[in-house]
């Protein structure tokens, strides 16, 4: 089974026969012990440190269907090397573009993304309301009142405003849900100002990149989106789909790692007006992230076990059917 590899240290990547050879390099330029990774077992690479590689290696990775995702010091996604989009189809691209151009059809899809995200955020709150946090119930009511406005929107900006209000209201509950000494205050990014914001940014980035990877395995074009405005050098459809899954993947992990003290103050690096995870914190989060996305459950429609990672691909397939006029798209809504 192929899996994702996370490279936290800078280093040199090269090909050795049918194997990837990664040699870590420390801050003084001294090379460490090389690590060998059989190419058949790699789905993609996440690079948090600088990666020294040549075009021959990327040709090798491209033929093997391996994507490489890059991130800066603040853990922001900066770009990807993606193999040739061998599944892209002309008919799908035409239909996807037509759905984007048609304002009515575009906002119908965008509303689905927001309603799915709002439902899953509400599901998280209901879990804690039923477990000794009944004081959060009025906040859930506010979120649901905003949610009732989704289907009445006629413009993307208006819909984005409602989505922003729902998420801001939702984030206001984090300090009550998290039983540690950390305080979120307001949402901050680029860079995040405190520990909880650092975890949100890091987790959202992982979710966005996972959605991008799953889109790549379908006929969808990741640059043509419906909720987020398509832009230059940005795979905005991954942002759309990630909205649905951030509450059930990212936020639940954040609640766990802080409430169980699996990530602590020592795992963060504080600088002037910024806070990021240290390597120790990133490794802990990534370990739990991998456990979560590979966790399986019985799908209510398919009646078989699927992983959360595969669930995102299924979401892409549902969107594909909607765009081709085969079946109405209904966003995933958590039942647990």
Protein backbone atom coordinates (compact mmCIF):
# COMPACT_ATOMS: atom_id res chain seq x y z
CA UNK A 1 0.00 0.00 0.00
CA UNK A 2 1.40 3.38 -0.97
CA UNK A 3 1.80 6.03 1.70
CA UNK A 4 2.80 9.65 2.21
CA UNK A 5 6.33 10.49 3.38
CA UNK A 6 7.01 13.68 5.34
CA UNK A 7 10.48 15.24 5.06
CA UNK A 8 10.99 17.62 7.98
CA UNK A 9 14.74 18.17 7.51
CA UNK A 10 16.50 19.81 4.55
CA UNK A 11 18.44 17.38 2.43
CA UNK A 12 19.43 15.89 -0.90
CA UNK A 13 17.10 13.60 -2.81
CA UNK A 14 18.37 11.39 -5.61
CA UNK A 15 17.51 8.22 -7.46
CA UNK A 16 19.29 4.97 -6.80
CA UNK A 17 17.97 2.30 -9.16
CA UNK A 18 14.26 2.00 -8.32
CA UNK A 19 14.69 3.61 -4.90
CA UNK A 20 14.61 7.19 -3.59
CA UNK A 21 17.70 8.15 -1.60
CA UNK A 22 17.25 10.99 0.88
CA UNK A 23 20.33 12.38 2.63
CA UNK A 24 19.49 14.82 5.45
CA UNK A 25 21.74 17.86 5.88
CA UNK A 26 22.04 19.68 9.21
CA UNK A 27 22.40 23.43 9.82
CA UNK A 28 26.19 23.28 9.47
CA UNK A 29 26.00 21.53 6.09
CA UNK A 30 27.03 18.10 7.39
CA UNK A 31 25.32 15.17 5.70
CA UNK A 32 23.54 12.61 7.85
CA UNK A 33 22.81 8.94 7.28
CA UNK A 34 20.97 8.38 3.98
CA UNK A 35 17.48 6.89 4.04
CA UNK A 36 16.23 4.68 1.23
CA UNK A 37 12.58 4.61 0.16
CA UNK A 38 11.30 2.08 -2.42
CA UNK A 39 9.49 4.12 -5.05
CA UNK A 40 6.64 1.58 -5.32
CA UNK A 41 5.55 2.42 -1.76
CA UNK A 42 5.35 6.22 -2.18
CA UNK A 43 2.15 8.11 -3.00
CA UNK A 44 3.53 11.63 -2.41
CA UNK A 45 6.17 13.61 -0.53
CA UNK A 46 5.64 16.54 1.86
CA UNK A 47 8.74 18.74 2.13
CA UNK A 48 8.99 21.09 5.13
CA UNK A 49 12.72 21.69 4.65
CA UNK A 50 14.60 22.64 1.49
CA UNK A 51 14.98 19.77 -0.97
CA UNK A 52 17.99 19.60 -3.27
CA UNK A 53 17.10 17.57 -6.37
CA UNK A 54 17.69 17.69 -10.12
CA UNK A 55 15.42 17.38 -13.14
CA UNK A 56 16.32 13.71 -13.61
CA UNK A 57 14.79 12.93 -10.24
CA UNK A 58 11.58 14.83 -11.05
CA UNK A 59 11.33 12.96 -14.36
CA UNK A 60 11.60 9.75 -12.35
CA UNK A 61 8.97 10.92 -9.84
CA UNK A 62 6.65 12.02 -12.65
CA UNK A 63 6.79 8.63 -14.35
CA UNK A 64 6.10 6.96 -11.01
CA UNK A 65 3.08 9.22 -10.42
CA UNK A 66 4.55 10.74 -7.24
CA UNK A 67 3.63 14.32 -6.30
CA UNK A 68 5.87 16.55 -4.17
CA UNK A 69 4.35 19.30 -2.00
CA UNK A 70 6.42 22.18 -0.64
CA UNK A 71 5.93 24.36 2.45
CA UNK A 72 7.74 27.39 3.84
CA UNK A 73 9.03 28.07 7.39
CA UNK A 74 5.57 29.12 8.56
CA UNK A 75 4.17 25.82 7.22
CA UNK A 76 2.31 27.61 4.44
CA UNK A 77 1.76 25.61 1.28
CA UNK A 78 3.91 27.13 -1.46
CA UNK A 79 3.44 24.77 -4.40
CA UNK A 80 3.55 21.26 -5.79
CA UNK A 81 5.31 19.20 -8.38
CA UNK A 82 2.50 17.16 -9.91
CA UNK A 83 2.88 14.35 -12.44
CA UNK A 84 1.18 14.76 -15.78
CA UNK A 85 -2.60 14.89 -15.31
CA UNK A 86 -3.26 11.65 -17.11
CA UNK A 87 -6.95 11.50 -16.08
CA UNK A 88 -7.96 14.97 -17.29
CA UNK A 89 -10.73 14.69 -19.91
CA UNK A 90 -11.85 17.32 -22.37
CA UNK A 91 -15.58 16.76 -21.76
CA UNK A 92 -15.15 17.15 -18.00
CA UNK A 93 -13.11 20.33 -18.36
CA UNK A 94 -15.72 21.85 -20.67
CA UNK A 95 -18.61 20.96 -18.35
CA UNK A 96 -16.71 22.13 -15.26
CA UNK A 97 -15.96 25.45 -16.94
CA UNK A 98 -19.61 25.86 -18.02
CA UNK A 99 -20.75 25.27 -14.42
CA UNK A 100 -18.34 27.96 -13.24
CA UNK A 101 -19.42 30.50 -15.87
CA UNK A 102 -23.14 29.99 -15.19
CA UNK A 103 -23.69 32.09 -12.04
CA UNK A 104 -26.75 30.14 -10.93
CA UNK A 105 -25.15 26.74 -11.36
CA UNK A 106 -21.93 27.93 -9.74
CA UNK A 107 -23.58 29.24 -6.60
CA UNK A 108 -25.66 26.07 -6.27
CA UNK A 109 -22.46 24.05 -5.97
CA UNK A 110 -20.81 26.64 -3.72
CA UNK A 111 -23.82 26.55 -1.39
CA UNK A 112 -23.39 22.77 -1.07
CA UNK A 113 -19.79 23.21 0.10
CA UNK A 114 -20.78 25.78 2.72
CA UNK A 115 -23.77 23.78 3.97
CA UNK A 116 -21.61 20.66 4.32
CA UNK A 117 -18.94 22.58 6.22
CA UNK A 118 -21.51 24.25 8.49
CA UNK A 119 -23.18 20.93 9.29
CA UNK A 120 -19.86 19.29 10.21
CA UNK A 121 -18.86 22.25 12.40
CA UNK A 122 -22.21 21.99 14.14
CA UNK A 123 -21.68 18.25 14.59
CA UNK A 124 -18.48 18.96 16.51
CA UNK A 125 -20.28 21.42 18.79
CA UNK A 126 -23.13 18.99 19.45
CA UNK A 127 -20.61 16.41 20.60
CA UNK A 128 -19.27 18.76 23.28
CA UNK A 129 -22.69 20.19 24.18
CA UNK A 130 -23.74 16.63 25.06
CA UNK A 131 -20.57 16.17 27.12
CA UNK A 132 -20.69 18.73 29.92
CA UNK A 133 -20.57 21.88 27.78
CA UNK A 134 -24.25 22.82 27.47
CA UNK A 135 -23.30 26.51 27.56
CA UNK A 136 -22.26 26.17 23.90
CA UNK A 137 -25.85 25.55 22.80
CA UNK A 138 -26.68 29.26 22.17
CA UNK A 139 -23.58 29.53 19.96
CA UNK A 140 -24.79 26.56 17.94
CA UNK A 141 -28.14 28.31 17.55
CA UNK A 142 -26.36 31.36 16.12
CA UNK A 143 -24.45 29.17 13.67
CA UNK A 144 -27.66 27.47 12.56
CA UNK A 145 -29.37 30.84 12.06
CA UNK A 146 -26.55 31.83 9.71
CA UNK A 147 -26.82 28.43 8.03
CA UNK A 148 -30.48 29.05 7.25
CA UNK A 149 -29.40 31.94 5.03
CA UNK A 150 -27.18 29.84 2.76
CA UNK A 151 -29.81 28.82 0.21
CA UNK A 152 -31.09 32.40 -0.12
CA UNK A 153 -27.77 33.77 -1.36
CA UNK A 154 -27.46 34.90 -4.97
CA UNK A 155 -23.83 36.03 -5.08
CA UNK A 156 -20.55 34.34 -4.12
CA UNK A 157 -19.39 37.29 -2.01
CA UNK A 158 -22.61 37.13 -0.01
CA UNK A 159 -22.20 33.38 0.49
CA UNK A 160 -18.57 33.79 1.54
CA UNK A 161 -19.69 36.37 4.09
CA UNK A 162 -22.14 33.91 5.63
CA UNK A 163 -19.49 31.18 5.65
CA UNK A 164 -17.11 33.58 7.40
CA UNK A 165 -19.72 34.39 10.06
CA UNK A 166 -20.40 30.69 10.68
CA UNK A 167 -16.72 29.86 11.01
CA UNK A 168 -15.94 32.88 13.20
CA UNK A 169 -18.81 31.92 15.53
CA UNK A 170 -17.56 28.32 15.55
CA UNK A 171 -13.99 29.36 16.35
CA UNK A 172 -15.27 31.38 19.32
CA UNK A 173 -16.05 28.06 21.05
CA UNK A 174 -12.51 26.67 20.82
CA UNK A 175 -11.39 28.19 24.11
CA UNK A 176 -14.26 26.36 25.83
CA UNK A 177 -13.68 23.06 24.07
CA UNK A 178 -9.93 23.02 24.65
CA UNK A 179 -9.21 22.31 28.31
CA UNK A 180 -5.55 23.34 28.25
CA UNK A 181 -3.86 26.61 29.09
CA UNK A 182 -3.85 27.71 25.45
CA UNK A 183 -6.12 30.52 24.25
CA UNK A 184 -7.15 31.06 20.66
CA UNK A 185 -8.59 34.58 20.88
CA UNK A 186 -9.21 35.49 17.23
CA UNK A 187 -8.28 33.54 14.11
CA UNK A 188 -4.92 34.71 12.78
CA UNK A 189 -2.81 33.42 9.91
CA UNK A 190 0.16 34.36 7.73
CA UNK A 191 1.63 34.09 10.27
CA UNK A 192 -0.44 32.54 13.09
CA UNK A 193 -0.10 34.49 16.33
CA UNK A 194 -0.55 31.70 18.91
CA UNK A 195 -0.51 27.95 19.46
CA UNK A 196 -4.10 27.13 18.49
CA UNK A 197 -3.87 29.26 15.35
CA UNK A 198 -0.60 27.52 14.47
CA UNK A 199 -2.31 24.13 14.74
CA UNK A 200 -5.28 25.30 12.64
CA UNK A 201 -2.99 26.62 9.91
CA UNK A 202 -0.86 23.48 9.88
CA UNK A 203 -3.86 21.13 9.88
CA UNK A 204 -5.75 23.10 7.23
CA UNK A 205 -2.68 22.97 5.02
CA UNK A 206 -2.52 19.17 5.35
CA UNK A 207 -6.23 18.92 4.56
CA UNK A 208 -5.94 21.19 1.51
CA UNK A 209 -3.02 19.18 0.14
CA UNK A 210 -4.79 15.86 0.75
CA UNK A 211 -7.81 17.15 -1.18
CA UNK A 212 -5.53 18.25 -4.00
CA UNK A 213 -3.95 14.78 -4.12
CA UNK A 214 -7.37 13.11 -4.34
CA UNK A 215 -8.60 15.52 -7.03
CA UNK A 216 -5.56 14.55 -9.07
CA UNK A 217 -6.88 10.97 -9.21
CA UNK A 218 -10.16 12.08 -10.83
CA UNK A 219 -11.09 13.88 -14.04
CA UNK A 220 -11.69 17.16 -12.20
CA UNK A 221 -9.53 20.19 -12.97
CA UNK A 222 -8.20 21.48 -9.60
CA UNK A 223 -7.89 25.07 -10.87
CA UNK A 224 -11.61 25.51 -11.66
CA UNK A 225 -13.50 26.09 -8.41
CA UNK A 226 -16.93 27.30 -7.33
CA UNK A 227 -16.79 28.75 -3.81
CA UNK A 228 -13.26 30.17 -3.85
CA UNK A 229 -12.36 32.36 -6.78
CA UNK A 230 -9.97 30.65 -9.21
CA UNK A 231 -6.63 32.43 -9.30
CA UNK A 232 -3.22 32.21 -10.82
CA UNK A 233 -1.03 29.35 -9.54
CA UNK A 234 -3.62 28.10 -7.09
CA UNK A 235 -5.57 24.84 -6.98
CA UNK A 236 -8.73 26.47 -5.67
CA UNK A 237 -11.03 23.47 -6.06
CA UNK A 238 -9.02 21.80 -3.27
CA UNK A 239 -9.90 24.79 -1.07
CA UNK A 240 -13.60 24.22 -1.85
CA UNK A 241 -13.59 20.53 -0.94
CA UNK A 242 -11.36 21.05 2.11
CA UNK A 243 -14.07 23.24 3.68
CA UNK A 244 -16.21 20.12 4.21
CA UNK A 245 -13.47 18.03 5.79
CA UNK A 246 -11.57 20.51 7.98
CA UNK A 247 -14.04 20.21 10.91
CA UNK A 248 -14.00 16.40 11.03
CA UNK A 249 -10.32 15.90 10.29
CA UNK A 250 -8.33 18.96 11.39
CA UNK A 251 -10.41 20.37 14.24
CA UNK A 252 -11.03 17.04 15.92
CA UNK A 253 -7.31 16.34 15.91
CA UNK A 254 -6.61 19.76 17.45
CA UNK A 255 -9.10 19.10 20.25
CA UNK A 256 -7.48 15.72 20.88
CA UNK A 257 -3.81 16.71 20.88
CA UNK A 258 -4.38 19.67 23.22
CA UNK A 259 -6.90 18.09 25.57
CA UNK A 260 -4.76 14.96 25.89
CA UNK A 261 -1.59 17.08 26.05
CA UNK A 262 -0.01 15.15 23.19
CA UNK A 263 1.25 18.52 21.95
CA UNK A 264 2.44 20.95 24.62
CA UNK A 265 3.95 24.41 24.93
CA UNK A 266 7.45 23.03 24.33
CA UNK A 267 6.38 21.95 20.84
CA UNK A 268 5.91 25.53 19.59
CA UNK A 269 8.41 28.11 18.40
CA UNK A 270 7.47 31.67 19.38
CA UNK A 271 8.89 34.65 17.55
CA UNK A 272 7.80 38.28 17.18
CA UNK A 273 4.09 38.24 16.22
CA UNK A 274 4.23 34.60 15.11
CA UNK A 275 3.98 31.06 16.41
CA UNK A 276 4.75 27.86 14.51
CA UNK A 277 5.10 24.21 15.39
CA UNK A 278 8.55 22.87 16.09
CA UNK A 279 9.61 19.65 14.41
CA UNK A 280 8.49 17.66 17.46
CA UNK A 281 4.99 19.14 17.22
CA UNK A 282 4.77 18.62 13.46
CA UNK A 283 5.79 14.98 13.80
CA UNK A 284 3.18 14.35 16.50
CA UNK A 285 0.43 16.06 14.50
CA UNK A 286 1.38 14.24 11.30
CA UNK A 287 1.43 10.86 13.06
CA UNK A 288 -2.11 11.39 14.38
CA UNK A 289 -3.19 12.89 11.05
CA UNK A 290 -2.08 9.73 9.23
CA UNK A 291 -3.91 7.58 11.76
CA UNK A 292 -7.05 9.63 11.28
CA UNK A 293 -7.18 9.75 7.48
CA UNK A 294 -6.47 6.01 7.26
CA UNK A 295 -9.09 5.16 9.87
CA UNK A 296 -11.99 3.25 8.33
CA UNK A 297 -15.73 3.31 8.96
CA UNK A 298 -18.77 1.70 7.34
CA UNK A 299 -20.02 3.99 4.60
CA UNK A 300 -23.80 4.51 4.94
CA UNK A 301 -24.40 4.28 1.18
CA UNK A 302 -21.70 1.89 -0.04
CA UNK A 303 -22.24 -0.43 2.96
CA UNK A 304 -18.53 -1.19 3.16
CA UNK A 305 -15.58 0.14 5.10
CA UNK A 306 -13.76 3.14 3.63
CA UNK A 307 -11.01 5.38 4.99
CA UNK A 308 -11.38 9.13 5.43
CA UNK A 309 -8.69 9.54 2.79
CA UNK A 310 -10.76 7.53 0.32
CA UNK A 311 -13.87 9.42 1.43
CA UNK A 312 -12.41 12.61 -0.04
CA UNK A 313 -11.92 10.86 -3.38
CA UNK A 314 -15.55 9.69 -3.22
CA UNK A 315 -16.53 13.32 -2.66
CA UNK A 316 -14.70 14.23 -5.85
CA UNK A 317 -16.54 11.48 -7.73
CA UNK A 318 -19.89 12.82 -6.47
CA UNK A 319 -18.97 16.28 -7.70
CA UNK A 320 -17.94 14.77 -11.06
CA UNK A 321 -21.35 13.14 -11.46
CA UNK A 322 -23.08 16.42 -10.62
CA UNK A 323 -21.05 18.37 -13.17
CA UNK A 324 -21.84 15.79 -15.86
CA UNK A 325 -25.55 15.97 -15.00
CA UNK A 326 -25.70 12.37 -13.76
CA UNK A 327 -26.58 12.86 -10.10
CA UNK A 328 -27.21 15.81 -7.76
CA UNK A 329 -24.23 16.57 -5.54
CA UNK A 330 -24.81 16.21 -1.82
CA UNK A 331 -21.87 17.11 0.48
CA UNK A 332 -20.62 14.65 3.05
CA UNK A 333 -22.22 15.23 6.45
CA UNK A 334 -20.79 13.42 9.44
CA UNK A 335 -23.16 11.16 11.37
CA UNK A 336 -20.91 10.74 14.40
